Amino acid sequence: MGDPTTERELSIIDKAAELGCEYYCLDAGWYDDGFWWDRVGEWKEASGRFPGGLKEVCDYAHSKGLKMGLWLEIEVMGVACELANKLPDDWFVCRHGKRHIDNKRYMLDFRNPEVRKYCRDVVDRLIRDYGVEYFKVDYNVTMGYGSELNSDSCADAIREHYECLHQWYEEIFRDYPDLVVENCGSALSIAKRICRIRLTNILKTDSYPPHQQQKIPPGQHMAQAIVRQQASHISPPAVGIPPKGSCCCWYQPPPPSIL
């Protein structure tokens, strides 16, 4: 994660194929030649990392019988992203007259139709150009309350933002019914948005191995909270056994129509 190159990824693909894996997911860093953390947002391949193009890696994965996956953090743009600095403020969550920054990221405001179109174009392009069938969608920020722009209140803004984000995902799944979208986020940072968005898998945090991740049943909305505990005597609910020392809690909210 964070320092991919063609040489490294091809060797990983070989091992994945040898182990009989179904998917190969290229993690963070594929879009920037330098420090990738605060440059998220434009989602174009880094030519320095992939001299023959990212498609070379993707085609190699396909040749090995693997379905191609890419890491995305589609809801944000890094403070060092060149594109972010060319865009108007109404693309972003703003408070106190300026863009809100969290973890070196600006948060995109999905109430803006131009934001939704841009993000959809990114997804369409990655599927079309690279044959992506799996997205690992990360979320390394905490939104808190919503934007002060173009709304009666911050609370109203965040409600509208998540309604638009939910619809954005629904349209993607409508057009790409076989697409797998993994919700990747650290512990509770995913909880508020997963309540309203139907995604395929939940990745609790990078420290959990894949066989301990939870799958969201089709058509259900779930919020998951992982609470680390010092003691290991807490009995988890009957939805699966979390790692020792953790407590896993599930919340089933009402349907979106009555939220």
C-alpha atoms as a PDB file:
ATOM      1  CA  MET A   1       0.000   0.000   0.000  1.00  0.00           C
ATOM      2  CA  GLY A   2       1.255   3.480  -0.888  1.00  0.00           C
ATOM      3  CA  ASP A   3       4.231   2.587  -3.075  1.00  0.00           C
ATOM      4  CA  PRO A   4       3.057   0.435  -6.008  1.00  0.00           C
ATOM      5  CA  THR A   5       5.116  -0.147  -9.146  1.00  0.00           C
ATOM      6  CA  THR A   6       4.629  -2.379 -12.154  1.00  0.00           C
ATOM      7  CA  GLU A   7       7.345  -4.759 -10.989  1.00  0.00           C
ATOM      8  CA  ARG A   8       5.909  -5.085  -7.481  1.00  0.00           C
ATOM      9  CA  GLU A   9       2.332  -5.523  -8.616  1.00  0.00           C
ATOM     10  CA  LEU A  10       3.087  -8.165 -11.234  1.00  0.00           C
ATOM     11  CA  SER A  11       4.788 -10.311  -8.601  1.00  0.00           C
ATOM     12  CA  ILE A  12       1.777  -9.895  -6.283  1.00  0.00           C
ATOM     13  CA  ILE A  13      -0.572 -10.852  -9.113  1.00  0.00           C
ATOM     14  CA  ASP A  14       1.452 -14.015  -9.742  1.00  0.00           C
ATOM     15  CA  LYS A  15       1.162 -15.000  -6.094  1.00  0.00           C
ATOM     16  CA  ALA A  16      -2.570 -14.172  -5.995  1.00  0.00           C
ATOM     17  CA  ALA A  17      -3.191 -16.356  -9.030  1.00  0.00           C
ATOM     18  CA  GLU A  18      -1.101 -19.148  -7.527  1.00  0.00           C
ATOM     19  CA  LEU A  19      -3.233 -19.030  -4.372  1.00  0.00           C
ATOM     20  CA  GLY A  20      -6.442 -19.212  -6.403  1.00  0.00           C
ATOM     21  CA  CYS A  21      -7.681 -15.701  -5.613  1.00  0.00           C
ATOM     22  CA  GLU A  22     -10.643 -14.320  -7.528  1.00  0.00           C
ATOM     23  CA  TYR A  23      -9.844 -10.595  -7.253  1.00  0.00           C
ATOM     24  CA  TYR A  24      -6.697  -8.499  -7.300  1.00  0.00           C
ATOM     25  CA  CYS A  25      -7.059  -5.007  -5.808  1.00  0.00           C
ATOM     26  CA  LEU A  26      -4.368  -2.373  -6.349  1.00  0.00           C
ATOM     27  CA  ASP A  27      -4.272  -0.325  -3.150  1.00  0.00           C
ATOM     28  CA  ALA A  28      -3.549   3.361  -2.521  1.00  0.00           C
ATOM     29  CA  GLY A  29      -0.838   5.280  -4.342  1.00  0.00           C
ATOM     30  CA  TRP A  30      -1.438   4.223  -7.954  1.00  0.00           C
ATOM     31  CA  TYR A  31      -2.411   7.782  -8.976  1.00  0.00           C
ATOM     32  CA  ASP A  32       0.652   9.783  -7.879  1.00  0.00           C
ATOM     33  CA  ASP A  33       4.406   9.463  -8.314  1.00  0.00           C
ATOM     34  CA  GLY A  34       5.187  11.185  -5.023  1.00  0.00           C
ATOM     35  CA  PHE A  35       3.545  11.337  -1.609  1.00  0.00           C
ATOM     36  CA  TRP A  36       0.076  10.025  -2.381  1.00  0.00           C
ATOM     37  CA  TRP A  37      -1.722  10.802   0.888  1.00  0.00           C
ATOM     38  CA  ASP A  38      -2.742  14.439   0.302  1.00  0.00           C
ATOM     39  CA  ARG A  39      -2.925  14.246  -3.508  1.00  0.00           C
ATOM     40  CA  VAL A  40      -6.034  12.083  -3.824  1.00  0.00           C
ATOM     41  CA  GLY A  41      -8.820  13.295  -6.055  1.00  0.00           C
ATOM     42  CA  GLU A  42      -7.811  13.298  -9.719  1.00  0.00           C
ATOM     43  CA  TRP A  43      -7.502   9.523 -10.144  1.00  0.00           C
ATOM     44  CA  LYS A  44      -5.121   9.377 -13.108  1.00  0.00           C
ATOM     45  CA  GLU A  45      -2.391   6.782 -13.304  1.00  0.00           C
ATOM     46  CA  ALA A  46       1.108   7.695 -12.144  1.00  0.00           C
ATOM     47  CA  SER A  47       3.388   7.278 -15.174  1.00  0.00           C
ATOM     48  CA  GLY A  48       6.491   7.079 -12.998  1.00  0.00           C
ATOM     49  CA  ARG A  49       5.122   4.070 -11.148  1.00  0.00           C
ATOM     50  CA  PHE A  50       3.775   2.375 -14.268  1.00  0.00           C
ATOM     51  CA  PRO A  51       6.048   3.173 -17.254  1.00  0.00           C
ATOM     52  CA  GLY A  52       4.017   0.887 -19.500  1.00  0.00           C
ATOM     53  CA  GLY A  53       0.757   2.302 -18.201  1.00  0.00           C
ATOM     54  CA  LEU A  54      -1.572   1.031 -15.500  1.00  0.00           C
ATOM     55  CA  LYS A  55      -3.412  -0.948 -18.158  1.00  0.00           C
ATOM     56  CA  GLU A  56      -0.373  -3.214 -18.434  1.00  0.00           C
ATOM     57  CA  VAL A  57      -0.904  -4.246 -14.815  1.00  0.00           C
ATOM     58  CA  CYS A  58      -4.658  -4.603 -15.232  1.00  0.00           C
ATOM     59  CA  ASP A  59      -4.306  -6.666 -18.405  1.00  0.00           C
ATOM     60  CA  TYR A  60      -1.796  -8.917 -16.671  1.00  0.00           C
ATOM     61  CA  ALA A  61      -4.231  -9.513 -13.815  1.00  0.00           C
ATOM     62  CA  HIS A  62      -6.964 -10.376 -16.302  1.00  0.00           C
ATOM     63  CA  SER A  63      -4.596 -12.736 -18.149  1.00  0.00           C
ATOM     64  CA  LYS A  64      -4.139 -14.610 -14.871  1.00  0.00           C
ATOM     65  CA  GLY A  65      -7.877 -15.017 -14.472  1.00  0.00           C
ATOM     66  CA  LEU A  66      -8.231 -12.328 -11.785  1.00  0.00           C
ATOM     67  CA  LYS A  67     -10.861  -9.623 -11.613  1.00  0.00           C
ATOM     68  CA  MET A  68      -9.307  -6.163 -11.359  1.00  0.00           C
ATOM     69  CA  GLY A  69      -9.819  -3.857  -8.381  1.00  0.00           C
ATOM     70  CA  LEU A  70      -8.668  -0.328  -7.547  1.00  0.00           C
ATOM     71  CA  TRP A  71      -8.548   1.717  -4.340  1.00  0.00           C
ATOM     72  CA  LEU A  72     -10.507   4.974  -4.368  1.00  0.00           C
ATOM     73  CA  GLU A  73     -11.358   7.694  -1.900  1.00  0.00           C
ATOM     74  CA  ILE A  74     -13.988   9.183  -4.151  1.00  0.00           C
ATOM     75  CA  GLU A  75     -15.643  11.524  -1.628  1.00  0.00           C
ATOM     76  CA  VAL A  76     -12.598  13.729  -1.052  1.00  0.00           C
ATOM     77  CA  MET A  77      -9.789  15.673  -2.714  1.00  0.00           C
ATOM     78  CA  GLY A  78      -6.416  16.167  -1.079  1.00  0.00           C
ATOM     79  CA  VAL A  79      -5.195  19.639  -0.192  1.00  0.00           C
ATOM     80  CA  ALA A  80      -2.239  19.102  -2.565  1.00  0.00           C
ATOM     81  CA  CYS A  81      -4.412  17.891  -5.446  1.00  0.00           C
ATOM     82  CA  GLU A  82      -3.878  20.317  -8.340  1.00  0.00           C
ATOM     83  CA  LEU A  83      -7.433  19.900  -9.574  1.00  0.00           C
ATOM     84  CA  ALA A  84      -8.897  20.796  -6.174  1.00  0.00           C
ATOM     85  CA  ASN A  85      -7.145  24.156  -6.276  1.00  0.00           C
ATOM     86  CA  LYS A  86      -8.804  24.980  -9.621  1.00  0.00           C
ATOM     87  CA  LEU A  87     -12.356  24.237  -8.515  1.00  0.00           C
ATOM     88  CA  PRO A  88     -14.908  26.603  -6.928  1.00  0.00           C
ATOM     89  CA  ASP A  89     -15.658  26.371  -3.227  1.00  0.00           C
ATOM     90  CA  ASP A  90     -19.188  25.094  -3.754  1.00  0.00           C
ATOM     91  CA  TRP A  91     -17.705  21.731  -4.748  1.00  0.00           C
ATOM     92  CA  PHE A  92     -16.638  21.269  -1.130  1.00  0.00           C
ATOM     93  CA  VAL A  93     -17.950  21.288   2.426  1.00  0.00           C
ATOM     94  CA  CYS A  94     -17.353  24.838   3.665  1.00  0.00           C
ATOM     95  CA  ARG A  95     -17.560  26.302   7.156  1.00  0.00           C
ATOM     96  CA  HIS A  96     -16.762  29.747   8.473  1.00  0.00           C
ATOM     97  CA  GLY A  97     -16.255  31.037   4.951  1.00  0.00           C
ATOM     98  CA  LYS A  98     -13.632  28.502   3.842  1.00  0.00           C
ATOM     99  CA  ARG A  99     -13.222  24.881   2.847  1.00  0.00           C
ATOM    100  CA  HIS A 100     -13.264  22.464   5.744  1.00  0.00           C
ATOM    101  CA  ILE A 101     -10.053  20.393   5.966  1.00  0.00           C
ATOM    102  CA  ASP A 102      -9.740  17.057   7.733  1.00  0.00           C
ATOM    103  CA  ASN A 103      -6.755  14.739   7.523  1.00  0.00           C
ATOM    104  CA  LYS A 104      -5.281  16.876   4.710  1.00  0.00           C
ATOM    105  CA  ARG A 105      -8.454  16.475   2.651  1.00  0.00           C
ATOM    106  CA  TYR A 106     -11.284  18.637   1.374  1.00  0.00           C
ATOM    107  CA  MET A 107     -14.640  16.869   1.491  1.00  0.00           C
ATOM    108  CA  LEU A 108     -16.684  16.903  -1.692  1.00  0.00           C
ATOM    109  CA  ASP A 109     -20.277  18.110  -1.373  1.00  0.00           C
ATOM    110  CA  PHE A 110     -22.480  15.650  -3.251  1.00  0.00           C
ATOM    111  CA  ARG A 111     -25.375  18.111  -3.265  1.00  0.00           C
ATOM    112  CA  ASN A 112     -23.578  19.763  -6.177  1.00  0.00           C
ATOM    113  CA  PRO A 113     -24.556  18.010  -9.448  1.00  0.00           C
ATOM    114  CA  GLU A 114     -21.162  18.854 -10.938  1.00  0.00           C
ATOM    115  CA  VAL A 115     -19.493  16.904  -8.133  1.00  0.00           C
ATOM    116  CA  ARG A 116     -21.699  13.897  -8.744  1.00  0.00           C
ATOM    117  CA  LYS A 117     -21.002  14.036 -12.486  1.00  0.00           C
ATOM    118  CA  TYR A 118     -17.248  14.309 -11.953  1.00  0.00           C
ATOM    119  CA  CYS A 119     -17.172  11.341  -9.587  1.00  0.00           C
ATOM    120  CA  ARG A 120     -19.375   9.275 -11.886  1.00  0.00           C
ATOM    121  CA  ASP A 121     -17.115  10.083 -14.837  1.00  0.00           C
ATOM    122  CA  VAL A 122     -14.144   8.828 -12.795  1.00  0.00           C
ATOM    123  CA  VAL A 123     -15.861   5.513 -12.081  1.00  0.00           C
ATOM    124  CA  ASP A 124     -16.998   5.098 -15.693  1.00  0.00           C
ATOM    125  CA  ARG A 125     -13.498   5.862 -17.000  1.00  0.00           C
ATOM    126  CA  LEU A 126     -11.771   3.393 -14.669  1.00  0.00           C
ATOM    127  CA  ILE A 127     -14.216   0.638 -15.575  1.00  0.00           C
ATOM    128  CA  ARG A 128     -13.959   1.401 -19.295  1.00  0.00           C
ATOM    129  CA  ASP A 129     -10.189   1.909 -19.576  1.00  0.00           C
ATOM    130  CA  TYR A 130      -8.930  -0.690 -17.100  1.00  0.00           C
ATOM    131  CA  GLY A 131     -11.715  -3.240 -16.820  1.00  0.00           C
ATOM    132  CA  VAL A 132     -12.204  -2.588 -13.101  1.00  0.00           C
ATOM    133  CA  GLU A 133     -14.765  -4.871 -11.460  1.00  0.00           C
ATOM    134  CA  TYR A 134     -14.011  -4.057  -7.819  1.00  0.00           C
ATOM    135  CA  PHE A 135     -13.560  -0.754  -5.996  1.00  0.00           C
ATOM    136  CA  LYS A 136     -12.121  -0.461  -2.506  1.00  0.00           C
ATOM    137  CA  VAL A 137     -13.705   2.841  -1.442  1.00  0.00           C
ATOM    138  CA  ASP A 138     -11.910   4.389   1.508  1.00  0.00           C
ATOM    139  CA  TYR A 139     -12.948   7.257   3.794  1.00  0.00           C
ATOM    140  CA  ASN A 140     -10.112   8.752   5.830  1.00  0.00           C
ATOM    141  CA  VAL A 141     -12.002  11.779   7.135  1.00  0.00           C
ATOM    142  CA  THR A 142     -14.660  12.687   9.665  1.00  0.00           C
ATOM    143  CA  MET A 143     -17.262  14.992   8.184  1.00  0.00           C
ATOM    144  CA  GLY A 144     -18.885  16.059  11.453  1.00  0.00           C
ATOM    145  CA  TYR A 145     -21.702  18.434  10.626  1.00  0.00           C
ATOM    146  CA  GLY A 146     -22.418  19.597   7.081  1.00  0.00           C
ATOM    147  CA  SER A 147     -21.631  22.605   4.946  1.00  0.00           C
ATOM    148  CA  GLU A 148     -22.783  26.153   5.570  1.00  0.00           C
ATOM    149  CA  LEU A 149     -23.105  26.855   1.845  1.00  0.00           C
ATOM    150  CA  ASN A 150     -26.472  26.873   0.079  1.00  0.00           C
ATOM    151  CA  SER A 151     -28.487  25.500   2.981  1.00  0.00           C
ATOM    152  CA  ASP A 152     -30.730  26.608   5.831  1.00  0.00           C
ATOM    153  CA  SER A 153     -28.536  24.736   8.310  1.00  0.00           C
ATOM    154  CA  CYS A 154     -25.499  22.476   8.493  1.00  0.00           C
ATOM    155  CA  ALA A 155     -27.746  19.627   9.606  1.00  0.00           C
ATOM    156  CA  ASP A 156     -29.926  20.049   6.538  1.00  0.00           C
ATOM    157  CA  ALA A 157     -26.821  20.174   4.338  1.00  0.00           C
ATOM    158  CA  ILE A 158     -25.393  16.914   5.635  1.00  0.00           C
ATOM    159  CA  ARG A 159     -28.765  15.174   5.267  1.00  0.00           C
ATOM    160  CA  GLU A 160     -29.010  16.320   1.655  1.00  0.00           C
ATOM    161  CA  HIS A 161     -25.380  15.353   1.031  1.00  0.00           C
ATOM    162  CA  TYR A 162     -25.947  11.756   2.114  1.00  0.00           C
ATOM    163  CA  GLU A 163     -29.216  11.502   0.224  1.00  0.00           C
ATOM    164  CA  CYS A 164     -27.389  12.552  -2.943  1.00  0.00           C
ATOM    165  CA  LEU A 165     -24.495  10.195  -2.207  1.00  0.00           C
ATOM    166  CA  HIS A 166     -26.916   7.339  -1.680  1.00  0.00           C
ATOM    167  CA  GLN A 167     -28.613   8.053  -5.004  1.00  0.00           C
ATOM    168  CA  TRP A 168     -25.222   8.291  -6.711  1.00  0.00           C
ATOM    169  CA  TYR A 169     -24.351   4.769  -5.553  1.00  0.00           C
ATOM    170  CA  GLU A 170     -27.772   3.445  -6.490  1.00  0.00           C
ATOM    171  CA  GLU A 171     -27.286   4.676 -10.062  1.00  0.00           C
ATOM    172  CA  ILE A 172     -23.871   3.022 -10.258  1.00  0.00           C
ATOM    173  CA  PHE A 173     -25.244  -0.332  -9.095  1.00  0.00           C
ATOM    174  CA  ARG A 174     -28.136   0.040 -11.528  1.00  0.00           C
ATOM    175  CA  ASP A 175     -25.715   0.475 -14.443  1.00  0.00           C
ATOM    176  CA  TYR A 176     -23.078  -1.980 -13.171  1.00  0.00           C
ATOM    177  CA  PRO A 177     -25.042  -4.689 -11.341  1.00  0.00           C
ATOM    178  CA  ASP A 178     -22.045  -7.018 -11.035  1.00  0.00           C
ATOM    179  CA  LEU A 179     -19.676  -4.365  -9.676  1.00  0.00           C
ATOM    180  CA  VAL A 180     -18.271  -5.063  -6.200  1.00  0.00           C
ATOM    181  CA  VAL A 181     -17.776  -2.009  -3.972  1.00  0.00           C
ATOM    182  CA  GLU A 182     -16.032  -2.562  -0.662  1.00  0.00           C
ATOM    183  CA  ASN A 183     -16.585  -0.007   2.079  1.00  0.00           C
ATOM    184  CA  CYS A 184     -13.154   0.591   3.581  1.00  0.00           C
ATOM    185  CA  GLY A 185     -12.935   2.846   6.605  1.00  0.00           C
ATOM    186  CA  SER A 186     -11.383   2.934  10.036  1.00  0.00           C
ATOM    187  CA  ALA A 187     -13.875   1.786  12.659  1.00  0.00           C
ATOM    188  CA  LEU A 188     -16.679   4.291  13.290  1.00  0.00           C
ATOM    189  CA  SER A 189     -15.785   6.673  10.451  1.00  0.00           C
ATOM    190  CA  ILE A 190     -17.845   4.467   8.147  1.00  0.00           C
ATOM    191  CA  ALA A 191     -20.913   4.115  10.350  1.00  0.00           C
ATOM    192  CA  LYS A 192     -22.882   7.205   9.427  1.00  0.00           C
ATOM    193  CA  ARG A 193     -22.679   6.704   5.701  1.00  0.00           C
ATOM    194  CA  ILE A 194     -23.200   2.948   5.608  1.00  0.00           C
ATOM    195  CA  CYS A 195     -26.603   3.499   7.268  1.00  0.00           C
ATOM    196  CA  ARG A 196     -27.890   4.885   3.979  1.00  0.00           C
ATOM    197  CA  ILE A 197     -25.697   3.290   1.320  1.00  0.00           C
ATOM    198  CA  ARG A 198     -25.904  -0.273   0.072  1.00  0.00           C
ATOM    199  CA  LEU A 199     -22.364  -1.480  -0.532  1.00  0.00           C
ATOM    200  CA  THR A 200     -21.054  -5.002  -0.966  1.00  0.00           C
ATOM    201  CA  ASN A 201     -18.487  -5.525   1.792  1.00  0.00           C
ATOM    202  CA  ILE A 202     -17.390  -3.738   4.930  1.00  0.00           C
ATOM    203  CA  LEU A 203     -13.687  -3.560   5.645  1.00  0.00           C
ATOM    204  CA  LYS A 204     -13.542  -2.661   9.330  1.00  0.00           C
ATOM    205  CA  THR A 205      -9.998  -1.377   9.224  1.00  0.00           C
ATOM    206  CA  ASP A 206      -6.711  -2.292   7.572  1.00  0.00           C
ATOM    207  CA  SER A 207      -5.619  -4.318  10.619  1.00  0.00           C
ATOM    208  CA  TYR A 208      -8.328  -6.967  10.103  1.00  0.00           C
ATOM    209  CA  PRO A 209      -7.547  -9.845   7.708  1.00  0.00           C
ATOM    210  CA  PRO A 210     -10.038 -10.453   4.854  1.00  0.00           C
ATOM    211  CA  HIS A 211     -11.603 -13.594   6.374  1.00  0.00           C
ATOM    212  CA  GLN A 212     -12.721 -11.537   9.394  1.00  0.00           C
ATOM    213  CA  GLN A 213     -14.540  -8.871   7.351  1.00  0.00           C
ATOM    214  CA  GLN A 214     -18.314  -8.710   7.205  1.00  0.00           C
ATOM    215  CA  LYS A 215     -20.532  -8.925   4.122  1.00  0.00           C
ATOM    216  CA  ILE A 216     -23.678  -6.798   3.847  1.00  0.00           C
ATOM    217  CA  PRO A 217     -26.679  -8.916   2.802  1.00  0.00           C
ATOM    218  CA  PRO A 218     -28.257  -7.703  -0.477  1.00  0.00           C
ATOM    219  CA  GLY A 219     -30.854  -4.984  -0.042  1.00  0.00           C
ATOM    220  CA  GLN A 220     -30.012  -4.222   3.574  1.00  0.00           C
ATOM    221  CA  HIS A 221     -28.600  -1.072   5.138  1.00  0.00           C
ATOM    222  CA  MET A 222     -26.281  -1.664   8.058  1.00  0.00           C
ATOM    223  CA  ALA A 223     -24.131   0.388  10.335  1.00  0.00           C
ATOM    224  CA  GLN A 224     -21.272  -1.375  11.998  1.00  0.00           C
ATOM    225  CA  ALA A 225     -19.331  -0.202  15.018  1.00  0.00           C
ATOM    226  CA  ILE A 226     -16.140  -1.858  16.148  1.00  0.00           C
ATOM    227  CA  VAL A 227     -15.225  -1.062  19.718  1.00  0.00           C
ATOM    228  CA  ARG A 228     -11.792  -2.092  20.891  1.00  0.00           C
ATOM    229  CA  GLN A 229     -11.774  -3.439  24.427  1.00  0.00           C
ATOM    230  CA  GLN A 230      -8.929  -4.161  26.793  1.00  0.00           C
ATOM    231  CA  ALA A 231     -10.688  -7.272  28.083  1.00  0.00           C
ATOM    232  CA  SER A 232     -11.755 -10.173  25.890  1.00  0.00           C
ATOM    233  CA  HIS A 233     -14.652 -11.478  27.981  1.00  0.00           C
ATOM    234  CA  ILE A 234     -17.358  -9.430  26.200  1.00  0.00           C
ATOM    235  CA  SER A 235     -19.764 -11.733  24.386  1.00  0.00           C
ATOM    236  CA  PRO A 236     -20.378 -10.597  20.806  1.00  0.00           C
ATOM    237  CA  PRO A 237     -23.834 -10.777  19.214  1.00  0.00           C
ATOM    238  CA  ALA A 238     -24.595 -13.729  17.008  1.00  0.00           C
ATOM    239  CA  VAL A 239     -23.529 -12.124  13.731  1.00  0.00           C
ATOM    240  CA  GLY A 240     -20.073 -13.640  13.670  1.00  0.00           C
ATOM    241  CA  ILE A 241     -17.098 -13.834  15.963  1.00  0.00           C
ATOM    242  CA  PRO A 242     -14.828 -10.765  15.924  1.00  0.00           C
ATOM    243  CA  PRO A 243     -11.125 -10.929  16.787  1.00  0.00           C
ATOM    244  CA  LYS A 244     -10.187 -11.486  20.415  1.00  0.00           C
ATOM    245  CA  GLY A 245     -10.416  -8.276  22.405  1.00  0.00           C
ATOM    246  CA  SER A 246     -13.043  -6.661  20.163  1.00  0.00           C
ATOM    247  CA  CYS A 247     -16.764  -6.145  20.436  1.00  0.00           C
ATOM    248  CA  CYS A 248     -18.823  -6.145  17.254  1.00  0.00           C
ATOM    249  CA  CYS A 249     -22.200  -4.372  17.236  1.00  0.00           C
ATOM    250  CA  TRP A 250     -24.748  -4.207  14.412  1.00  0.00           C
ATOM    251  CA  TYR A 251     -27.473  -1.636  13.905  1.00  0.00           C
ATOM    252  CA  GLN A 252     -30.350  -2.142  11.472  1.00  0.00           C
ATOM    253  CA  PRO A 253     -31.890   1.283  10.733  1.00  0.00           C
ATOM    254  CA  PRO A 254     -35.375   1.753   9.297  1.00  0.00           C
ATOM    255  CA  PRO A 255     -35.796   1.888   5.509  1.00  0.00           C
ATOM    256  CA  PRO A 256     -34.667   5.133   3.825  1.00  0.00           C
ATOM    257  CA  SER A 257     -38.284   6.044   3.039  1.00  0.00           C
ATOM    258  CA  ILE A 258     -38.997   6.733   6.718  1.00  0.00           C
ATOM    259  CA  LEU A 259     -35.636   8.117   7.817  1.00  0.00           C
END
